[in-house]
């Protein structure tokens, strides 16, 4: 299983960023794909997730209203676009995948980082003020 992120880099505060995650080695429709970030000195934070099961999405409060997660299912690629970037968005961003169906039932979103099974290498986002 591979999750390969792209995007990130240096972003000006107030600007926008777009991250991409291409997934291979698993059945895309069977997984919730999401983004997790870790800011310096802080814990992992699940910020957004997408499920091809009905196109369900989840956003953490910290990014809701200024972020959009979308998917090109045919390309097994998930995108995260974030607008009005702030300095608190500076973090390492990782793409992650967790199964939609678990021993506890089905799910259409993931909000906690520890619920993901597979992880990408991550991409760094730096915000200039």
C-alpha atoms as a PDB file:
ATOM      1  CA  UNK A   1       0.000   0.000   0.000  1.00  0.00           C
ATOM      2  CA  UNK A   2       1.286   3.431  -0.936  1.00  0.00           C
ATOM      3  CA  UNK A   3      -0.036   6.871  -0.220  1.00  0.00           C
ATOM      4  CA  UNK A   4       1.943   9.570  -1.978  1.00  0.00           C
ATOM      5  CA  UNK A   5       1.410  13.198  -1.064  1.00  0.00           C
ATOM      6  CA  UNK A   6       2.279  16.229  -3.113  1.00  0.00           C
ATOM      7  CA  UNK A   7       1.823  19.932  -2.633  1.00  0.00           C
ATOM      8  CA  UNK A   8       2.648  21.861   0.471  1.00  0.00           C
ATOM      9  CA  UNK A   9       5.759  23.987   0.806  1.00  0.00           C
ATOM     10  CA  UNK A  10       5.788  27.656   1.688  1.00  0.00           C
ATOM     11  CA  UNK A  11       2.450  29.426   1.813  1.00  0.00           C
ATOM     12  CA  UNK A  12       1.792  33.047   2.655  1.00  0.00           C
ATOM     13  CA  UNK A  13      -0.650  33.713   5.456  1.00  0.00           C
ATOM     14  CA  UNK A  14      -4.007  34.466   3.930  1.00  0.00           C
ATOM     15  CA  UNK A  15      -3.191  32.413   0.897  1.00  0.00           C
ATOM     16  CA  UNK A  16      -4.238  28.945  -0.171  1.00  0.00           C
ATOM     17  CA  UNK A  17      -2.669  25.523  -0.302  1.00  0.00           C
ATOM     18  CA  UNK A  18      -3.574  22.391  -2.175  1.00  0.00           C
ATOM     19  CA  UNK A  19      -2.408  18.947  -1.231  1.00  0.00           C
ATOM     20  CA  UNK A  20      -2.832  15.775  -3.250  1.00  0.00           C
ATOM     21  CA  UNK A  21      -2.726  12.169  -2.153  1.00  0.00           C
ATOM     22  CA  UNK A  22      -2.596   9.305  -4.630  1.00  0.00           C
ATOM     23  CA  UNK A  23      -3.381   5.899  -3.220  1.00  0.00           C
ATOM     24  CA  UNK A  24      -2.316   2.539  -4.591  1.00  0.00           C
ATOM     25  CA  UNK A  25      -2.278  -1.038  -3.383  1.00  0.00           C
ATOM     26  CA  UNK A  26      -5.741  -0.995  -1.852  1.00  0.00           C
ATOM     27  CA  UNK A  27      -9.322  -0.839  -3.037  1.00  0.00           C
ATOM     28  CA  UNK A  28     -10.012   2.868  -2.930  1.00  0.00           C
ATOM     29  CA  UNK A  29     -13.753   2.469  -2.377  1.00  0.00           C
ATOM     30  CA  UNK A  30     -13.169   0.338   0.718  1.00  0.00           C
ATOM     31  CA  UNK A  31     -11.294   3.045   2.596  1.00  0.00           C
ATOM     32  CA  UNK A  32     -11.817   6.403   4.185  1.00  0.00           C
ATOM     33  CA  UNK A  33      -8.996   8.660   3.037  1.00  0.00           C
ATOM     34  CA  UNK A  34      -8.032  11.626   5.125  1.00  0.00           C
ATOM     35  CA  UNK A  35      -5.474  14.207   6.130  1.00  0.00           C
ATOM     36  CA  UNK A  36      -3.711  14.349   9.434  1.00  0.00           C
ATOM     37  CA  UNK A  37      -1.354  17.079  10.520  1.00  0.00           C
ATOM     38  CA  UNK A  38       1.117  17.580  13.302  1.00  0.00           C
ATOM     39  CA  UNK A  39       2.203  21.048  14.218  1.00  0.00           C
ATOM     40  CA  UNK A  40       5.463  21.599  16.107  1.00  0.00           C
ATOM     41  CA  UNK A  41       5.048  20.530  19.719  1.00  0.00           C
ATOM     42  CA  UNK A  42       1.460  19.415  19.210  1.00  0.00           C
ATOM     43  CA  UNK A  43      -0.354  16.113  18.850  1.00  0.00           C
ATOM     44  CA  UNK A  44      -1.545  14.550  15.643  1.00  0.00           C
ATOM     45  CA  UNK A  45      -4.780  16.107  14.435  1.00  0.00           C
ATOM     46  CA  UNK A  46      -7.155  14.517  11.964  1.00  0.00           C
ATOM     47  CA  UNK A  47      -8.378  17.499   9.967  1.00  0.00           C
ATOM     48  CA  UNK A  48     -10.399  16.082   7.091  1.00  0.00           C
ATOM     49  CA  UNK A  49     -11.565  12.820   5.617  1.00  0.00           C
ATOM     50  CA  UNK A  50     -13.390  11.600   2.553  1.00  0.00           C
ATOM     51  CA  UNK A  51     -15.407   8.476   1.934  1.00  0.00           C
ATOM     52  CA  UNK A  52     -16.398   7.418  -1.557  1.00  0.00           C
ATOM     53  CA  UNK A  53     -19.419   5.822   0.121  1.00  0.00           C
ATOM     54  CA  UNK A  54     -21.810   8.644  -0.561  1.00  0.00           C
ATOM     55  CA  UNK A  55     -19.048  11.205  -0.830  1.00  0.00           C
ATOM     56  CA  UNK A  56     -19.146  11.852   2.910  1.00  0.00           C
ATOM     57  CA  UNK A  57     -16.654  14.342   4.274  1.00  0.00           C
ATOM     58  CA  UNK A  58     -15.420  15.367   7.686  1.00  0.00           C
ATOM     59  CA  UNK A  59     -13.650  18.527   8.788  1.00  0.00           C
ATOM     60  CA  UNK A  60     -12.086  19.363  12.095  1.00  0.00           C
ATOM     61  CA  UNK A  61     -13.245  22.592  13.662  1.00  0.00           C
ATOM     62  CA  UNK A  62      -9.805  24.079  13.127  1.00  0.00           C
ATOM     63  CA  UNK A  63     -10.175  23.944   9.333  1.00  0.00           C
ATOM     64  CA  UNK A  64     -13.916  23.790   8.756  1.00  0.00           C
ATOM     65  CA  UNK A  65     -15.274  26.530   6.570  1.00  0.00           C
ATOM     66  CA  UNK A  66     -11.985  27.185   4.824  1.00  0.00           C
ATOM     67  CA  UNK A  67     -11.051  23.694   3.669  1.00  0.00           C
ATOM     68  CA  UNK A  68     -12.442  21.352   1.064  1.00  0.00           C
ATOM     69  CA  UNK A  69     -11.592  17.703   0.589  1.00  0.00           C
ATOM     70  CA  UNK A  70     -12.413  16.222  -2.782  1.00  0.00           C
ATOM     71  CA  UNK A  71     -11.609  13.089  -4.678  1.00  0.00           C
ATOM     72  CA  UNK A  72     -11.015  11.846  -8.168  1.00  0.00           C
ATOM     73  CA  UNK A  73     -12.071   8.277  -7.535  1.00  0.00           C
ATOM     74  CA  UNK A  74     -10.956   7.171 -10.989  1.00  0.00           C
ATOM     75  CA  UNK A  75      -7.437   8.317 -10.144  1.00  0.00           C
ATOM     76  CA  UNK A  76      -7.583   7.116  -6.518  1.00  0.00           C
ATOM     77  CA  UNK A  77      -6.538  10.606  -5.554  1.00  0.00           C
ATOM     78  CA  UNK A  78      -7.795  12.797  -2.759  1.00  0.00           C
ATOM     79  CA  UNK A  79      -7.226  16.539  -2.630  1.00  0.00           C
ATOM     80  CA  UNK A  80      -7.270  18.965   0.257  1.00  0.00           C
ATOM     81  CA  UNK A  81      -7.637  22.643  -0.511  1.00  0.00           C
ATOM     82  CA  UNK A  82      -7.276  25.099   2.318  1.00  0.00           C
ATOM     83  CA  UNK A  83      -7.983  28.809   2.002  1.00  0.00           C
ATOM     84  CA  UNK A  84      -7.254  31.712   4.330  1.00  0.00           C
ATOM     85  CA  UNK A  85      -4.205  29.921   5.639  1.00  0.00           C
ATOM     86  CA  UNK A  86      -3.039  31.027   9.081  1.00  0.00           C
ATOM     87  CA  UNK A  87       0.234  30.561  10.925  1.00  0.00           C
ATOM     88  CA  UNK A  88      -1.337  27.800  13.024  1.00  0.00           C
ATOM     89  CA  UNK A  89      -1.640  25.754   9.835  1.00  0.00           C
ATOM     90  CA  UNK A  90       2.112  25.286   9.786  1.00  0.00           C
ATOM     91  CA  UNK A  91       2.576  21.538  10.223  1.00  0.00           C
ATOM     92  CA  UNK A  92       3.577  18.259   8.683  1.00  0.00           C
ATOM     93  CA  UNK A  93       0.600  17.002   6.699  1.00  0.00           C
ATOM     94  CA  UNK A  94       0.095  13.300   6.059  1.00  0.00           C
ATOM     95  CA  UNK A  95      -2.422  11.443   3.985  1.00  0.00           C
ATOM     96  CA  UNK A  96      -3.862   8.354   5.631  1.00  0.00           C
ATOM     97  CA  UNK A  97      -6.316   5.558   4.907  1.00  0.00           C
ATOM     98  CA  UNK A  98      -8.567   3.587   7.212  1.00  0.00           C
ATOM     99  CA  UNK A  99     -11.000   0.818   6.296  1.00  0.00           C
ATOM    100  CA  UNK A 100     -14.645   1.798   5.979  1.00  0.00           C
ATOM    101  CA  UNK A 101     -15.754  -1.430   7.590  1.00  0.00           C
ATOM    102  CA  UNK A 102     -14.329  -2.576  10.885  1.00  0.00           C
ATOM    103  CA  UNK A 103     -15.249  -5.125  13.528  1.00  0.00           C
ATOM    104  CA  UNK A 104     -17.363  -2.358  15.099  1.00  0.00           C
ATOM    105  CA  UNK A 105     -19.329  -1.563  11.979  1.00  0.00           C
ATOM    106  CA  UNK A 106     -19.166   0.785   9.025  1.00  0.00           C
ATOM    107  CA  UNK A 107     -18.006   4.359   9.088  1.00  0.00           C
ATOM    108  CA  UNK A 108     -18.082   7.187   6.594  1.00  0.00           C
ATOM    109  CA  UNK A 109     -15.569   9.472   8.233  1.00  0.00           C
ATOM    110  CA  UNK A 110     -12.533   9.341  10.479  1.00  0.00           C
ATOM    111  CA  UNK A 111     -11.763  12.105  12.932  1.00  0.00           C
ATOM    112  CA  UNK A 112      -8.991  10.602  15.010  1.00  0.00           C
ATOM    113  CA  UNK A 113      -5.509   9.977  13.730  1.00  0.00           C
ATOM    114  CA  UNK A 114      -5.204   6.624  15.506  1.00  0.00           C
ATOM    115  CA  UNK A 115      -8.100   5.238  13.473  1.00  0.00           C
ATOM    116  CA  UNK A 116      -6.073   5.234  10.288  1.00  0.00           C
ATOM    117  CA  UNK A 117      -4.247   2.118   9.126  1.00  0.00           C
ATOM    118  CA  UNK A 118      -2.008   3.288   6.310  1.00  0.00           C
ATOM    119  CA  UNK A 119       0.017   6.469   6.113  1.00  0.00           C
ATOM    120  CA  UNK A 120       1.920   8.474   3.551  1.00  0.00           C
ATOM    121  CA  UNK A 121       5.361   9.954   4.147  1.00  0.00           C
ATOM    122  CA  UNK A 122       3.999  13.402   4.763  1.00  0.00           C
ATOM    123  CA  UNK A 123       4.595  16.840   3.334  1.00  0.00           C
ATOM    124  CA  UNK A 124       5.603  19.957   5.192  1.00  0.00           C
ATOM    125  CA  UNK A 125       3.646  23.175   5.064  1.00  0.00           C
ATOM    126  CA  UNK A 126       5.285  26.375   6.235  1.00  0.00           C
ATOM    127  CA  UNK A 127       3.321  29.585   6.587  1.00  0.00           C
ATOM    128  CA  UNK A 128       4.945  32.978   6.234  1.00  0.00           C
ATOM    129  CA  UNK A 129       3.346  35.896   7.997  1.00  0.00           C
END
